[in-house]
């Protein structure tokens, strides 16, 4: 009887450990997914900022070209 109780206890401990292990893997997977999402959001923000700066550069270059042309027309 005592051996049966010990066997059942070991079985329950192993079963509980396996369930916790699966939960741990699920949580790690979710954590990794969220970290990837955060990185993508950060990358998207950076890309948006770069695009915004490129537009500003295009505006400045256009204005410089206009001024250069105006200066040449004056000569």
C-alpha atoms as a PDB file:
ATOM      1  CA  UNK A   1       0.000   0.000   0.000  1.00  0.00           C
ATOM      2  CA  UNK A   2       2.756   2.414   0.958  1.00  0.00           C
ATOM      3  CA  UNK A   3       4.633   1.664  -2.282  1.00  0.00           C
ATOM      4  CA  UNK A   4       1.468   2.351  -4.262  1.00  0.00           C
ATOM      5  CA  UNK A   5       1.051   5.714  -2.514  1.00  0.00           C
ATOM      6  CA  UNK A   6       4.668   6.598  -3.237  1.00  0.00           C
ATOM      7  CA  UNK A   7       4.227   5.568  -6.869  1.00  0.00           C
ATOM      8  CA  UNK A   8       1.046   7.683  -7.160  1.00  0.00           C
ATOM      9  CA  UNK A   9       2.776  10.631  -5.534  1.00  0.00           C
ATOM     10  CA  UNK A  10       5.713  10.367  -7.945  1.00  0.00           C
ATOM     11  CA  UNK A  11       3.286  10.135 -10.864  1.00  0.00           C
ATOM     12  CA  UNK A  12       1.394  13.228  -9.713  1.00  0.00           C
ATOM     13  CA  UNK A  13       4.637  15.162  -9.216  1.00  0.00           C
ATOM     14  CA  UNK A  14       5.875  14.213 -12.687  1.00  0.00           C
ATOM     15  CA  UNK A  15       2.498  15.065 -14.214  1.00  0.00           C
ATOM     16  CA  UNK A  16       2.461  18.461 -12.470  1.00  0.00           C
ATOM     17  CA  UNK A  17       6.053  19.093 -13.582  1.00  0.00           C
ATOM     18  CA  UNK A  18       5.158  18.304 -17.199  1.00  0.00           C
ATOM     19  CA  UNK A  19       2.188  20.680 -17.096  1.00  0.00           C
ATOM     20  CA  UNK A  20       4.357  23.424 -15.631  1.00  0.00           C
ATOM     21  CA  UNK A  21       7.017  22.760 -18.264  1.00  0.00           C
ATOM     22  CA  UNK A  22       4.448  23.140 -21.052  1.00  0.00           C
ATOM     23  CA  UNK A  23       3.190  26.379 -19.448  1.00  0.00           C
ATOM     24  CA  UNK A  24       6.780  27.607 -19.206  1.00  0.00           C
ATOM     25  CA  UNK A  25       7.348  26.896 -22.915  1.00  0.00           C
ATOM     26  CA  UNK A  26       4.102  28.671 -23.808  1.00  0.00           C
ATOM     27  CA  UNK A  27       5.066  31.707 -21.747  1.00  0.00           C
ATOM     28  CA  UNK A  28       8.566  31.800 -23.257  1.00  0.00           C
ATOM     29  CA  UNK A  29       7.068  31.555 -26.721  1.00  0.00           C
ATOM     30  CA  UNK A  30       4.634  34.388 -25.999  1.00  0.00           C
ATOM     31  CA  UNK A  31       7.461  36.463 -24.523  1.00  0.00           C
ATOM     32  CA  UNK A  32       9.563  35.949 -27.649  1.00  0.00           C
ATOM     33  CA  UNK A  33       6.615  36.810 -29.873  1.00  0.00           C
ATOM     34  CA  UNK A  34       6.003  40.013 -27.935  1.00  0.00           C
ATOM     35  CA  UNK A  35       9.685  40.946 -28.038  1.00  0.00           C
ATOM     36  CA  UNK A  36       9.646  40.464 -31.815  1.00  0.00           C
ATOM     37  CA  UNK A  37       6.534  42.614 -32.032  1.00  0.00           C
ATOM     38  CA  UNK A  38       8.224  45.309 -29.939  1.00  0.00           C
ATOM     39  CA  UNK A  39      11.289  45.151 -32.195  1.00  0.00           C
ATOM     40  CA  UNK A  40       9.107  45.404 -35.287  1.00  0.00           C
ATOM     41  CA  UNK A  41       7.248  48.367 -33.833  1.00  0.00           C
ATOM     42  CA  UNK A  42      10.580  49.989 -33.020  1.00  0.00           C
ATOM     43  CA  UNK A  43      11.811  49.268 -36.529  1.00  0.00           C
ATOM     44  CA  UNK A  44       8.612  50.683 -38.008  1.00  0.00           C
ATOM     45  CA  UNK A  45       9.005  53.837 -35.920  1.00  0.00           C
ATOM     46  CA  UNK A  46      12.625  54.146 -37.057  1.00  0.00           C
ATOM     47  CA  UNK A  47      11.627  53.596 -40.678  1.00  0.00           C
ATOM     48  CA  UNK A  48       8.899  56.242 -40.381  1.00  0.00           C
ATOM     49  CA  UNK A  49      11.444  58.664 -38.908  1.00  0.00           C
ATOM     50  CA  UNK A  50      13.920  57.953 -41.732  1.00  0.00           C
ATOM     51  CA  UNK A  51      11.186  58.520 -44.324  1.00  0.00           C
ATOM     52  CA  UNK A  52      10.256  61.785 -42.632  1.00  0.00           C
ATOM     53  CA  UNK A  53      13.896  62.923 -42.674  1.00  0.00           C
ATOM     54  CA  UNK A  54      14.234  61.918 -46.333  1.00  0.00           C
ATOM     55  CA  UNK A  55      11.211  64.053 -47.192  1.00  0.00           C
ATOM     56  CA  UNK A  56      12.783  66.986 -45.370  1.00  0.00           C
ATOM     57  CA  UNK A  57      16.036  66.391 -47.263  1.00  0.00           C
ATOM     58  CA  UNK A  58      14.141  66.302 -50.556  1.00  0.00           C
ATOM     59  CA  UNK A  59      12.516  69.643 -49.686  1.00  0.00           C
ATOM     60  CA  UNK A  60      15.882  71.186 -48.813  1.00  0.00           C
ATOM     61  CA  UNK A  61      17.508  69.836 -51.992  1.00  0.00           C
ATOM     62  CA  UNK A  62      14.623  71.199 -54.087  1.00  0.00           C
ATOM     63  CA  UNK A  63      14.963  74.596 -52.444  1.00  0.00           C
ATOM     64  CA  UNK A  64      18.746  74.556 -52.957  1.00  0.00           C
ATOM     65  CA  UNK A  65      18.256  73.661 -56.638  1.00  0.00           C
ATOM     66  CA  UNK A  66      15.768  76.528 -56.961  1.00  0.00           C
ATOM     67  CA  UNK A  67      18.234  78.964 -55.359  1.00  0.00           C
ATOM     68  CA  UNK A  68      21.059  77.684 -57.545  1.00  0.00           C
ATOM     69  CA  UNK A  69      18.932  78.172 -60.652  1.00  0.00           C
ATOM     70  CA  UNK A  70      17.945  81.653 -59.481  1.00  0.00           C
ATOM     71  CA  UNK A  71      21.582  82.540 -58.920  1.00  0.00           C
ATOM     72  CA  UNK A  72      22.507  81.289 -62.398  1.00  0.00           C
ATOM     73  CA  UNK A  73      19.643  83.295 -63.924  1.00  0.00           C
ATOM     74  CA  UNK A  74      20.968  86.438 -62.263  1.00  0.00           C
ATOM     75  CA  UNK A  75      24.438  85.983 -63.772  1.00  0.00           C
END
